[in-house]
PDB file of N, CA and C in Angstrom:
ATOM      1  N   MET A   1     103.912  75.712  87.324  1.00  0.00           N
ATOM      2  CA  MET A   1     104.044  76.796  88.285  1.00  0.00           C
ATOM      3  C   MET A   1     104.897  77.877  87.669  1.00  0.00           C
ATOM      4  N   ASN A   2     104.434  79.105  87.630  1.00  0.00           N
ATOM      5  CA  ASN A   2     105.294  80.260  87.122  1.00  0.00           C
ATOM      6  C   ASN A   2     106.274  80.693  88.136  1.00  0.00           C
ATOM      7  N   ASP A   3     107.198  81.572  87.702  1.00  0.00           N
ATOM      8  CA  ASP A   3     108.276  82.064  88.601  1.00  0.00           C
ATOM      9  C   ASP A   3     107.729  82.796  89.794  1.00  0.00           C
ATOM     10  N   GLY A   4     106.647  83.604  89.621  1.00  0.00           N
ATOM     11  CA  GLY A   4     106.074  84.354  90.753  1.00  0.00           C
ATOM     12  C   GLY A   4     105.518  83.398  91.752  1.00  0.00           C
ATOM     13  N   ASP A   5     104.801  82.300  91.298  1.00  0.00           N
ATOM     14  CA  ASP A   5     104.328  81.325  92.303  1.00  0.00           C
ATOM     15  C   ASP A   5     105.402  80.534  93.022  1.00  0.00           C
ATOM     16  N   GLN A   6     106.454  80.262  92.170  1.00  0.00           N
ATOM     17  CA  GLN A   6     107.587  79.548  92.792  1.00  0.00           C
ATOM     18  C   GLN A   6     108.218  80.361  93.960  1.00  0.00           C
ATOM     19  N   ALA A   7     108.381  81.661  93.634  1.00  0.00           N
ATOM     20  CA  ALA A   7     108.990  82.515  94.651  1.00  0.00           C
ATOM     21  C   ALA A   7     108.028  82.712  95.866  1.00  0.00           C
ATOM     22  N   ALA A   8     106.697  82.785  95.546  1.00  0.00           N
ATOM     23  CA  ALA A   8     105.761  82.885  96.638  1.00  0.00           C
ATOM     24  C   ALA A   8     105.732  81.651  97.510  1.00  0.00           C
ATOM     25  N   ALA A   9     105.765  80.421  96.906  1.00  0.00           N
ATOM     26  CA  ALA A   9     105.805  79.230  97.644  1.00  0.00           C
ATOM     27  C   ALA A   9     107.047  79.120  98.567  1.00  0.00           C
ATOM     28  N   GLU A  10     108.174  79.527  98.062  1.00  0.00           N
ATOM     29  CA  GLU A  10     109.372  79.568  98.848  1.00  0.00           C
ATOM     30  C   GLU A  10     109.293  80.459  99.992  1.00  0.00           C
ATOM     31  N   GLU A  11     108.701  81.721  99.813  1.00  0.00           N
ATOM     32  CA  GLU A  11     108.536  82.675 100.865  1.00  0.00           C
ATOM     33  C   GLU A  11     107.562  82.151 101.945  1.00  0.00           C
ATOM     34  N   ILE A  12     106.476  81.491 101.506  1.00  0.00           N
ATOM     35  CA  ILE A  12     105.482  80.924 102.399  1.00  0.00           C
ATOM     36  C   ILE A  12     106.237  79.907 103.300  1.00  0.00           C
ATOM     37  N   CYS A  13     107.011  79.033 102.684  1.00  0.00           N
ATOM     38  CA  CYS A  13     107.740  78.046 103.433  1.00  0.00           C
ATOM     39  C   CYS A  13     108.673  78.663 104.445  1.00  0.00           C
ATOM     40  N   HIS A  14     109.352  79.699 104.042  1.00  0.00           N
ATOM     41  CA  HIS A  14     110.226  80.372 104.950  1.00  0.00           C
ATOM     42  C   HIS A  14     109.533  81.013 106.066  1.00  0.00           C
ATOM     43  N   ARG A  15     108.409  81.711 105.771  1.00  0.00           N
ATOM     44  CA  ARG A  15     107.685  82.412 106.799  1.00  0.00           C
ATOM     45  C   ARG A  15     107.120  81.528 107.897  1.00  0.00           C
ATOM     46  N   VAL A  16     106.770  80.286 107.510  1.00  0.00           N
ATOM     47  CA  VAL A  16     106.237  79.312 108.536  1.00  0.00           C
ATOM     48  C   VAL A  16     107.357  78.398 109.117  1.00  0.00           C
ATOM     49  N   GLY A  17     108.566  78.768 108.818  1.00  0.00           N
ATOM     50  CA  GLY A  17     109.679  77.973 109.342  1.00  0.00           C
ATOM     51  C   GLY A  17     109.699  76.507 108.850  1.00  0.00           C
ATOM     52  N   ALA A  18     109.075  76.276 107.659  1.00  0.00           N
ATOM     53  CA  ALA A  18     109.007  74.923 107.039  1.00  0.00           C
ATOM     54  C   ALA A  18     108.320  73.942 108.000  1.00  0.00           C
ATOM     55  N   LEU A  19     107.477  74.409 108.883  1.00  0.00           N
ATOM     56  CA  LEU A  19     106.773  73.470 109.805  1.00  0.00           C
ATOM     57  C   LEU A  19     105.741  72.681 109.002  1.00  0.00           C
ATOM     58  N   PRO A  20     105.885  71.343 109.055  1.00  0.00           N
ATOM     59  CA  PRO A  20     104.960  70.526 108.280  1.00  0.00           C
ATOM     60  C   PRO A  20     103.466  70.765 108.477  1.00  0.00           C
ATOM     61  N   LEU A  21     103.075  70.822 109.789  1.00  0.00           N
ATOM     62  CA  LEU A  21     101.643  71.083 110.055  1.00  0.00           C
ATOM     63  C   LEU A  21     101.149  72.407 109.444  1.00  0.00           C
ATOM     64  N   ALA A  22     102.000  73.473 109.548  1.00  0.00           N
ATOM     65  CA  ALA A  22     101.585  74.768 109.016  1.00  0.00           C
ATOM     66  C   ALA A  22     101.486  74.648 107.483  1.00  0.00           C
ATOM     67  N   LEU A  23     102.437  73.964 106.847  1.00  0.00           N
ATOM     68  CA  LEU A  23     102.460  73.869 105.343  1.00  0.00           C
ATOM     69  C   LEU A  23     101.213  73.078 104.827  1.00  0.00           C
ATOM     70  N   VAL A  24     100.848  71.995 105.575  1.00  0.00           N
ATOM     71  CA  VAL A  24      99.694  71.228 105.163  1.00  0.00           C
ATOM     72  C   VAL A  24      98.460  72.029 105.349  1.00  0.00           C
ATOM     73  N   GLN A  25      98.348  72.753 106.474  1.00  0.00           N
ATOM     74  CA  GLN A  25      97.161  73.519 106.770  1.00  0.00           C
ATOM     75  C   GLN A  25      97.066  74.633 105.687  1.00  0.00           C
ATOM     76  N   LEU A  26      98.161  75.300 105.376  1.00  0.00           N
ATOM     77  CA  LEU A  26      98.110  76.350 104.404  1.00  0.00           C
ATOM     78  C   LEU A  26      97.752  75.834 102.946  1.00  0.00           C
ATOM     79  N   SER A  27      98.259  74.627 102.696  1.00  0.00           N
ATOM     80  CA  SER A  27      98.002  74.065 101.349  1.00  0.00           C
ATOM     81  C   SER A  27      96.551  73.713 101.218  1.00  0.00           C
ATOM     82  N   GLU A  28      95.906  73.236 102.281  1.00  0.00           N
ATOM     83  CA  GLU A  28      94.476  72.903 102.267  1.00  0.00           C
ATOM     84  C   GLU A  28      93.705  74.228 102.162  1.00  0.00           C
ATOM     85  N   PHE A  29      94.140  75.224 102.937  1.00  0.00           N
ATOM     86  CA  PHE A  29      93.424  76.499 102.793  1.00  0.00           C
ATOM     87  C   PHE A  29      93.438  77.077 101.386  1.00  0.00           C
ATOM     88  N   MET A  30      94.616  76.905 100.785  1.00  0.00           N
ATOM     89  CA  MET A  30      94.849  77.397  99.390  1.00  0.00           C
ATOM     90  C   MET A  30      93.979  76.601  98.427  1.00  0.00           C
ATOM     91  N   ARG A  31      93.991  75.282  98.620  1.00  0.00           N
ATOM     92  CA  ARG A  31      93.238  74.443  97.651  1.00  0.00           C
ATOM     93  C   ARG A  31      91.735  74.655  97.832  1.00  0.00           C
ATOM     94  N   ASP A  32      91.186  74.757  99.054  1.00  0.00           N
ATOM     95  CA  ASP A  32      89.782  74.980  99.320  1.00  0.00           C
ATOM     96  C   ASP A  32      89.284  76.301  98.703  1.00  0.00           C
ATOM     97  N   ARG A  33      90.149  77.228  98.549  1.00  0.00           N
ATOM     98  CA  ARG A  33      89.760  78.539  98.016  1.00  0.00           C
ATOM     99  C   ARG A  33      90.200  78.799  96.591  1.00  0.00           C
ATOM    100  N   SER A  34      90.875  77.822  95.999  1.00  0.00           N
ATOM    101  CA  SER A  34      91.456  77.915  94.669  1.00  0.00           C
ATOM    102  C   SER A  34      92.366  79.074  94.558  1.00  0.00           C
ATOM    103  N   PHE A  35      93.182  79.311  95.595  1.00  0.00           N
ATOM    104  CA  PHE A  35      94.201  80.375  95.617  1.00  0.00           C
ATOM    105  C   PHE A  35      95.453  79.937  94.941  1.00  0.00           C
ATOM    106  N   SER A  36      96.166  80.864  94.293  1.00  0.00           N
ATOM    107  CA  SER A  36      97.506  80.601  93.844  1.00  0.00           C
ATOM    108  C   SER A  36      98.422  80.829  95.034  1.00  0.00           C
ATOM    109  N   TYR A  37      99.684  80.416  94.867  1.00  0.00           N
ATOM    110  CA  TYR A  37     100.669  80.651  95.952  1.00  0.00           C
ATOM    111  C   TYR A  37     100.826  82.194  96.223  1.00  0.00           C
ATOM    112  N   SER A  38     100.764  82.983  95.113  1.00  0.00           N
ATOM    113  CA  SER A  38     100.915  84.404  95.267  1.00  0.00           C
ATOM    114  C   SER A  38      99.751  84.997  96.025  1.00  0.00           C
ATOM    115  N   GLU A  39      98.506  84.527  95.695  1.00  0.00           N
ATOM    116  CA  GLU A  39      97.349  84.994  96.405  1.00  0.00           C
ATOM    117  C   GLU A  39      97.394  84.672  97.921  1.00  0.00           C
ATOM    118  N   LEU A  40      97.831  83.428  98.171  1.00  0.00           N
ATOM    119  CA  LEU A  40      97.926  82.968  99.628  1.00  0.00           C
ATOM    120  C   LEU A  40      99.003  83.816 100.277  1.00  0.00           C
ATOM    121  N   LEU A  41     100.117  84.016  99.668  1.00  0.00           N
ATOM    122  CA  LEU A  41     101.136  84.820 100.337  1.00  0.00           C
ATOM    123  C   LEU A  41     100.670  86.206 100.681  1.00  0.00           C
ATOM    124  N   GLU A  42      99.927  86.891  99.809  1.00  0.00           N
ATOM    125  CA  GLU A  42      99.456  88.202 100.064  1.00  0.00           C
ATOM    126  C   GLU A  42      98.527  88.202 101.262  1.00  0.00           C
ATOM    127  N   MET A  43      97.606  87.180 101.260  1.00  0.00           N
ATOM    128  CA  MET A  43      96.664  87.128 102.408  1.00  0.00           C
ATOM    129  C   MET A  43      97.418  86.775 103.690  1.00  0.00           C
ATOM    130  N   TYR A  44      98.408  85.910 103.668  1.00  0.00           N
ATOM    131  CA  TYR A  44      99.226  85.560 104.811  1.00  0.00           C
ATOM    132  C   TYR A  44      99.996  86.738 105.312  1.00  0.00           C
ATOM    133  N   LYS A  45     100.567  87.530 104.479  1.00  0.00           N
ATOM    134  CA  LYS A  45     101.325  88.768 104.846  1.00  0.00           C
ATOM    135  C   LYS A  45     100.399  89.679 105.581  1.00  0.00           C
ATOM    136  N   ASN A  46      99.185  89.833 105.119  1.00  0.00           N
ATOM    137  CA  ASN A  46      98.225  90.804 105.733  1.00  0.00           C
ATOM    138  C   ASN A  46      97.657  90.296 107.031  1.00  0.00           C
ATOM    139  N   SER A  47      97.352  89.039 107.121  1.00  0.00           N
ATOM    140  CA  SER A  47      96.724  88.526 108.318  1.00  0.00           C
ATOM    141  C   SER A  47      96.932  86.996 108.464  1.00  0.00           C
ATOM    142  N   PRO A  48      98.069  86.590 108.957  1.00  0.00           N
ATOM    143  CA  PRO A  48      98.285  85.165 109.140  1.00  0.00           C
ATOM    144  C   PRO A  48      97.270  84.568 110.135  1.00  0.00           C
ATOM    145  N   GLU A  49      96.938  85.347 111.129  1.00  0.00           N
ATOM    146  CA  GLU A  49      95.945  84.815 112.088  1.00  0.00           C
ATOM    147  C   GLU A  49      94.632  84.420 111.463  1.00  0.00           C
ATOM    148  N   THR A  50      94.213  85.309 110.538  1.00  0.00           N
ATOM    149  CA  THR A  50      92.966  84.981 109.804  1.00  0.00           C
ATOM    150  C   THR A  50      93.058  83.694 108.966  1.00  0.00           C
ATOM    151  N   VAL A  51      94.209  83.493 108.312  1.00  0.00           N
ATOM    152  CA  VAL A  51      94.391  82.287 107.524  1.00  0.00           C
ATOM    153  C   VAL A  51      94.336  81.053 108.395  1.00  0.00           C
ATOM    154  N   TYR A  52      95.031  81.104 109.485  1.00  0.00           N
ATOM    155  CA  TYR A  52      95.027  79.946 110.424  1.00  0.00           C
ATOM    156  C   TYR A  52      93.690  79.714 111.054  1.00  0.00           C
ATOM    157  N   ARG A  53      93.022  80.770 111.482  1.00  0.00           N
ATOM    158  CA  ARG A  53      91.758  80.737 112.134  1.00  0.00           C
ATOM    159  C   ARG A  53      90.665  80.154 111.244  1.00  0.00           C
ATOM    160  N   THR A  54      90.674  80.553 109.968  1.00  0.00           N
ATOM    161  CA  THR A  54      89.647  80.123 109.059  1.00  0.00           C
ATOM    162  C   THR A  54      89.953  78.842 108.355  1.00  0.00           C
ATOM    163  N   SER A  55      91.127  78.270 108.597  1.00  0.00           N
ATOM    164  CA  SER A  55      91.476  76.970 108.066  1.00  0.00           C
ATOM    165  C   SER A  55      90.786  75.850 108.938  1.00  0.00           C
ATOM    166  N   GLY A  56      90.318  74.837 108.285  1.00  0.00           N
ATOM    167  CA  GLY A  56      89.711  73.783 108.981  1.00  0.00           C
ATOM    168  C   GLY A  56      90.816  72.871 109.610  1.00  0.00           C
ATOM    169  N   THR A  57      90.277  71.890 110.364  1.00  0.00           N
ATOM    170  CA  THR A  57      91.248  70.914 110.949  1.00  0.00           C
ATOM    171  C   THR A  57      91.668  69.927 109.817  1.00  0.00           C
ATOM    172  N   LEU A  58      92.760  69.334 109.956  1.00  0.00           N
ATOM    173  CA  LEU A  58      93.353  68.488 108.931  1.00  0.00           C
ATOM    174  C   LEU A  58      92.870  67.057 109.141  1.00  0.00           C
ATOM    175  N   ALA A  59      92.709  66.342 108.110  1.00  0.00           N
ATOM    176  CA  ALA A  59      92.371  64.962 108.127  1.00  0.00           C
ATOM    177  C   ALA A  59      93.401  64.198 108.950  1.00  0.00           C
ATOM    178  N   GLY A  60      92.978  63.442 109.933  1.00  0.00           N
ATOM    179  CA  GLY A  60      93.858  62.616 110.699  1.00  0.00           C
ATOM    180  C   GLY A  60      94.597  63.440 111.795  1.00  0.00           C
ATOM    181  N   TYR A  61      94.245  64.636 111.995  1.00  0.00           N
ATOM    182  CA  TYR A  61      94.850  65.458 113.039  1.00  0.00           C
ATOM    183  C   TYR A  61      93.798  66.329 113.621  1.00  0.00           C
ATOM    184  N   GLU A  62      93.766  66.325 114.947  1.00  0.00           N
ATOM    185  CA  GLU A  62      92.755  67.174 115.630  1.00  0.00           C
ATOM    186  C   GLU A  62      93.402  68.439 116.002  1.00  0.00           C
ATOM    187  N   GLY A  63      92.799  69.588 115.544  1.00  0.00           N
ATOM    188  CA  GLY A  63      93.313  70.840 115.841  1.00  0.00           C
ATOM    189  C   GLY A  63      93.949  71.496 114.657  1.00  0.00           C
ATOM    190  N   THR A  64      94.348  72.810 114.851  1.00  0.00           N
ATOM    191  CA  THR A  64      95.020  73.614 113.858  1.00  0.00           C
ATOM    192  C   THR A  64      96.337  74.065 114.415  1.00  0.00           C
ATOM    193  N   VAL A  65      97.100  74.764 113.578  1.00  0.00           N
ATOM    194  CA  VAL A  65      98.375  75.312 113.992  1.00  0.00           C
ATOM    195  C   VAL A  65      98.129  76.253 115.237  1.00  0.00           C
ATOM    196  N   LEU A  66      97.137  77.104 115.156  1.00  0.00           N
ATOM    197  CA  LEU A  66      96.855  77.919 116.269  1.00  0.00           C
ATOM    198  C   LEU A  66      96.502  77.195 117.523  1.00  0.00           C
ATOM    199  N   ALA A  67      95.708  76.155 117.371  1.00  0.00           N
ATOM    200  CA  ALA A  67      95.351  75.307 118.605  1.00  0.00           C
ATOM    201  C   ALA A  67      96.638  74.618 119.134  1.00  0.00           C
ATOM    202  N   THR A  68      97.502  74.139 118.247  1.00  0.00           N
ATOM    203  CA  THR A  68      98.668  73.504 118.677  1.00  0.00           C
ATOM    204  C   THR A  68      99.579  74.493 119.431  1.00  0.00           C
ATOM    205  N   TRP A  69      99.793  75.702 118.948  1.00  0.00           N
ATOM    206  CA  TRP A  69     100.590  76.793 119.635  1.00  0.00           C
ATOM    207  C   TRP A  69      99.892  77.089 120.959  1.00  0.00           C
ATOM    208  N   ASP A  70      98.584  77.303 120.924  1.00  0.00           N
ATOM    209  CA  ASP A  70      97.889  77.606 122.180  1.00  0.00           C
ATOM    210  C   ASP A  70      98.152  76.555 123.289  1.00  0.00           C
ATOM    211  N   THR A  71      98.038  75.300 122.857  1.00  0.00           N
ATOM    212  CA  THR A  71      98.246  74.185 123.882  1.00  0.00           C
ATOM    213  C   THR A  71      99.685  74.286 124.358  1.00  0.00           C
ATOM    214  N   PHE A  72     100.622  74.421 123.452  1.00  0.00           N
ATOM    215  CA  PHE A  72     102.023  74.479 123.810  1.00  0.00           C
ATOM    216  C   PHE A  72     102.319  75.668 124.774  1.00  0.00           C
ATOM    217  N   LEU A  73     101.794  76.839 124.455  1.00  0.00           N
ATOM    218  CA  LEU A  73     101.975  78.018 125.311  1.00  0.00           C
ATOM    219  C   LEU A  73     101.429  77.894 126.685  1.00  0.00           C
ATOM    220  N   ARG A  74     100.214  77.253 126.794  1.00  0.00           N
ATOM    221  CA  ARG A  74      99.564  77.098 128.069  1.00  0.00           C
ATOM    222  C   ARG A  74     100.371  76.119 128.968  1.00  0.00           C
ATOM    223  N   LYS A  75     101.079  75.210 128.368  1.00  0.00           N
ATOM    224  CA  LYS A  75     101.842  74.231 129.141  1.00  0.00           C
ATOM    225  C   LYS A  75     103.186  74.760 129.592  1.00  0.00           C
ATOM    226  N   LEU A  76     103.621  75.858 129.082  1.00  0.00           N
ATOM    227  CA  LEU A  76     104.924  76.423 129.451  1.00  0.00           C
ATOM    228  C   LEU A  76     104.920  76.889 130.858  1.00  0.00           C
ATOM    229  N   SER A  77     106.030  76.732 131.553  1.00  0.00           N
ATOM    230  CA  SER A  77     106.189  77.286 132.879  1.00  0.00           C
ATOM    231  C   SER A  77     106.427  78.780 132.781  1.00  0.00           C
ATOM    232  N   ALA A  78     106.334  79.470 133.885  1.00  0.00           N
ATOM    233  CA  ALA A  78     106.638  80.942 133.872  1.00  0.00           C
ATOM    234  C   ALA A  78     108.040  81.205 133.295  1.00  0.00           C
ATOM    235  N   ASN A  79     108.984  80.415 133.710  1.00  0.00           N
ATOM    236  CA  ASN A  79     110.372  80.478 133.152  1.00  0.00           C
ATOM    237  C   ASN A  79     110.389  80.342 131.665  1.00  0.00           C
ATOM    238  N   GLY A  80     109.675  79.287 131.211  1.00  0.00           N
ATOM    239  CA  GLY A  80     109.598  79.010 129.797  1.00  0.00           C
ATOM    240  C   GLY A  80     109.026  80.177 128.963  1.00  0.00           C
ATOM    241  N   ARG A  81     107.975  80.776 129.510  1.00  0.00           N
ATOM    242  CA  ARG A  81     107.321  81.898 128.862  1.00  0.00           C
ATOM    243  C   ARG A  81     108.262  83.076 128.786  1.00  0.00           C
ATOM    244  N   ALA A  82     109.011  83.294 129.914  1.00  0.00           N
ATOM    245  CA  ALA A  82     109.975  84.431 129.932  1.00  0.00           C
ATOM    246  C   ALA A  82     111.092  84.207 128.957  1.00  0.00           C
ATOM    247  N   LEU A  83     111.573  82.994 128.822  1.00  0.00           N
ATOM    248  CA  LEU A  83     112.630  82.692 127.879  1.00  0.00           C
ATOM    249  C   LEU A  83     112.093  82.804 126.432  1.00  0.00           C
ATOM    250  N   LEU A  84     110.916  82.286 126.184  1.00  0.00           N
ATOM    251  CA  LEU A  84     110.390  82.442 124.854  1.00  0.00           C
ATOM    252  C   LEU A  84     110.170  83.863 124.465  1.00  0.00           C
ATOM    253  N   SER A  85     109.746  84.694 125.384  1.00  0.00           N
ATOM    254  CA  SER A  85     109.496  86.182 125.057  1.00  0.00           C
ATOM    255  C   SER A  85     110.891  86.746 124.744  1.00  0.00           C
ATOM    256  N   LEU A  86     111.953  86.397 125.431  1.00  0.00           N
ATOM    257  CA  LEU A  86     113.289  86.960 125.083  1.00  0.00           C
ATOM    258  C   LEU A  86     113.758  86.434 123.714  1.00  0.00           C
ATOM    259  N   LEU A  87     113.618  85.168 123.503  1.00  0.00           N
ATOM    260  CA  LEU A  87     114.174  84.485 122.269  1.00  0.00           C
ATOM    261  C   LEU A  87     113.312  85.060 121.027  1.00  0.00           C
ATOM    262  N   ALA A  88     112.025  85.426 121.211  1.00  0.00           N
ATOM    263  CA  ALA A  88     111.265  85.904 120.131  1.00  0.00           C
ATOM    264  C   ALA A  88     111.844  87.303 119.638  1.00  0.00           C
ATOM    265  N   CYS A  89     112.574  87.992 120.421  1.00  0.00           N
ATOM    266  CA  CYS A  89     113.205  89.251 120.060  1.00  0.00           C
ATOM    267  C   CYS A  89     114.518  89.120 119.317  1.00  0.00           C
ATOM    268  N   LEU A  90     115.083  87.852 119.225  1.00  0.00           N
ATOM    269  CA  LEU A  90     116.374  87.637 118.649  1.00  0.00           C
ATOM    270  C   LEU A  90     116.215  87.084 117.278  1.00  0.00           C
ATOM    271  N   HIS A  91     117.341  86.961 116.517  1.00  0.00           N
ATOM    272  CA  HIS A  91     117.329  86.407 115.211  1.00  0.00           C
ATOM    273  C   HIS A  91     116.845  85.006 115.255  1.00  0.00           C
ATOM    274  N   PRO A  92     116.101  84.567 114.208  1.00  0.00           N
ATOM    275  CA  PRO A  92     115.438  83.255 114.206  1.00  0.00           C
ATOM    276  C   PRO A  92     116.449  82.126 114.141  1.00  0.00           C
ATOM    277  N   GLY A  93     117.680  82.381 113.907  1.00  0.00           N
ATOM    278  CA  GLY A  93     118.654  81.337 113.810  1.00  0.00           C
ATOM    279  C   GLY A  93     119.077  80.864 115.184  1.00  0.00           C
ATOM    280  N   PRO A  94     120.029  79.922 115.262  1.00  0.00           N
ATOM    281  CA  PRO A  94     120.497  79.462 116.566  1.00  0.00           C
ATOM    282  C   PRO A  94     121.015  80.568 117.486  1.00  0.00           C
ATOM    283  N   VAL A  95     120.675  80.529 118.762  1.00  0.00           N
ATOM    284  CA  VAL A  95     121.152  81.450 119.763  1.00  0.00           C
ATOM    285  C   VAL A  95     122.095  80.785 120.662  1.00  0.00           C
ATOM    286  N   PRO A  96     123.371  81.219 120.711  1.00  0.00           N
ATOM    287  CA  PRO A  96     124.316  80.648 121.575  1.00  0.00           C
ATOM    288  C   PRO A  96     123.891  80.716 123.046  1.00  0.00           C
ATOM    289  N   GLU A  97     124.009  79.574 123.733  1.00  0.00           N
ATOM    290  CA  GLU A  97     123.629  79.529 125.208  1.00  0.00           C
ATOM    291  C   GLU A  97     124.386  80.577 125.984  1.00  0.00           C
ATOM    292  N   SER A  98     125.620  80.801 125.604  1.00  0.00           N
ATOM    293  CA  SER A  98     126.475  81.768 126.334  1.00  0.00           C
ATOM    294  C   SER A  98     125.889  83.204 126.299  1.00  0.00           C
ATOM    295  N   LEU A  99     125.119  83.442 125.258  1.00  0.00           N
ATOM    296  CA  LEU A  99     124.507  84.809 125.124  1.00  0.00           C
ATOM    297  C   LEU A  99     123.494  85.031 126.267  1.00  0.00           C
ATOM    298  N   LEU A 100     122.905  83.948 126.747  1.00  0.00           N
ATOM    299  CA  LEU A 100     121.798  83.978 127.717  1.00  0.00           C
ATOM    300  C   LEU A 100     122.411  83.784 129.131  1.00  0.00           C
ATOM    301  N   THR A 101     123.498  83.064 129.278  1.00  0.00           N
ATOM    302  CA  THR A 101     123.952  82.701 130.544  1.00  0.00           C
ATOM    303  C   THR A 101     125.208  83.506 131.007  1.00  0.00           C
ATOM    304  N   ASN A 102     125.699  84.373 130.148  1.00  0.00           N
ATOM    305  CA  ASN A 102     126.916  85.097 130.449  1.00  0.00           C
ATOM    306  C   ASN A 102     126.546  86.236 131.441  1.00  0.00           C
ATOM    307  N   GLN A 103     127.227  86.362 132.549  1.00  0.00           N
ATOM    308  CA  GLN A 103     126.984  87.410 133.533  1.00  0.00           C
ATOM    309  C   GLN A 103     127.104  88.830 132.887  1.00  0.00           C
ATOM    310  N   ALA A 104     127.999  88.928 131.940  1.00  0.00           N
ATOM    311  CA  ALA A 104     128.281  90.261 131.294  1.00  0.00           C
ATOM    312  C   ALA A 104     127.064  90.655 130.464  1.00  0.00           C
ATOM    313  N   ALA A 105     126.166  89.737 130.125  1.00  0.00           N
ATOM    314  CA  ALA A 105     124.980  90.068 129.368  1.00  0.00           C
ATOM    315  C   ALA A 105     124.044  91.021 130.161  1.00  0.00           C
ATOM    316  N   LYS A 106     124.186  90.993 131.451  1.00  0.00           N
ATOM    317  CA  LYS A 106     123.446  91.863 132.320  1.00  0.00           C
ATOM    318  C   LYS A 106     121.935  91.797 132.010  1.00  0.00           C
ATOM    319  N   LEU A 107     121.441  90.538 132.016  1.00  0.00           N
ATOM    320  CA  LEU A 107     119.948  90.404 131.899  1.00  0.00           C
ATOM    321  C   LEU A 107     119.339  90.726 133.273  1.00  0.00           C
ATOM    322  N   GLU A 108     118.796  91.947 133.313  1.00  0.00           N
ATOM    323  CA  GLU A 108     118.365  92.509 134.559  1.00  0.00           C
ATOM    324  C   GLU A 108     116.950  92.185 134.993  1.00  0.00           C
ATOM    325  N   SER A 109     116.220  91.532 134.157  1.00  0.00           N
ATOM    326  CA  SER A 109     114.846  91.186 134.453  1.00  0.00           C
ATOM    327  C   SER A 109     114.803  90.082 135.463  1.00  0.00           C
ATOM    328  N   SER A 110     114.072  90.224 136.574  1.00  0.00           N
ATOM    329  CA  SER A 110     113.987  89.165 137.563  1.00  0.00           C
ATOM    330  C   SER A 110     113.367  87.918 137.038  1.00  0.00           C
ATOM    331  N   GLN A 111     112.607  88.082 135.931  1.00  0.00           N
ATOM    332  CA  GLN A 111     111.968  86.907 135.243  1.00  0.00           C
ATOM    333  C   GLN A 111     112.995  86.023 134.569  1.00  0.00           C
ATOM    334  N   LEU A 112     114.136  86.597 134.331  1.00  0.00           N
ATOM    335  CA  LEU A 112     115.175  85.860 133.580  1.00  0.00           C
ATOM    336  C   LEU A 112     116.340  85.356 134.497  1.00  0.00           C
ATOM    337  N   SER A 113     116.222  85.621 135.806  1.00  0.00           N
ATOM    338  CA  SER A 113     117.279  85.283 136.705  1.00  0.00           C
ATOM    339  C   SER A 113     117.638  83.782 136.707  1.00  0.00           C
ATOM    340  N   PHE A 114     116.581  82.954 136.335  1.00  0.00           N
ATOM    341  CA  PHE A 114     116.846  81.526 136.364  1.00  0.00           C
ATOM    342  C   PHE A 114     117.915  81.176 135.301  1.00  0.00           C
ATOM    343  N   LEU A 115     118.220  82.021 134.323  1.00  0.00           N
ATOM    344  CA  LEU A 115     119.204  81.654 133.286  1.00  0.00           C
ATOM    345  C   LEU A 115     120.584  81.626 133.873  1.00  0.00           C
ATOM    346  N   LEU A 116     120.728  82.294 134.991  1.00  0.00           N
ATOM    347  CA  LEU A 116     122.136  82.258 135.641  1.00  0.00           C
ATOM    348  C   LEU A 116     122.303  81.184 136.656  1.00  0.00           C
ATOM    349  N   ASP A 117     121.286  80.377 136.899  1.00  0.00           N
ATOM    350  CA  ASP A 117     121.426  79.285 137.810  1.00  0.00           C
ATOM    351  C   ASP A 117     122.391  78.268 137.255  1.00  0.00           C
ATOM    352  N   GLU A 118     123.078  77.531 138.088  1.00  0.00           N
ATOM    353  CA  GLU A 118     123.948  76.457 137.760  1.00  0.00           C
ATOM    354  C   GLU A 118     123.145  75.229 137.260  1.00  0.00           C
ATOM    355  N   PHE A 119     123.265  74.866 136.018  1.00  0.00           N
ATOM    356  CA  PHE A 119     122.622  73.639 135.517  1.00  0.00           C
ATOM    357  C   PHE A 119     123.392  73.114 134.358  1.00  0.00           C
ATOM    358  N   GLU A 120     123.165  71.936 134.009  1.00  0.00           N
ATOM    359  CA  GLU A 120     123.797  71.301 132.805  1.00  0.00           C
ATOM    360  C   GLU A 120     122.885  71.250 131.682  1.00  0.00           C
TER     361      GLU A 120
END
């Protein structure tokens, strides 16, 4: 593997959050099309949805990354969807709970009022 492909492989891993299912699906997509890591990265940057949509299902696993996310999102409660929408706007690293539950944060959306409920 050349340095360019090494860097592309690392960026792909970072972009998918090192999720094993996504990495396996992308590696099969890459292998089926005889793509290099650099070629896969360019296609993924331009249209990740197309890459996932055109990937087949994995041996021993029913579904794709998109199907898995779709199932997960459909099962979320309204509060869960509201929280996920908020978290998607923040840095991908850990988010301190106090950022979400602190009255001074002034989260004014009625969809997020549940964050200020007393719970453990």
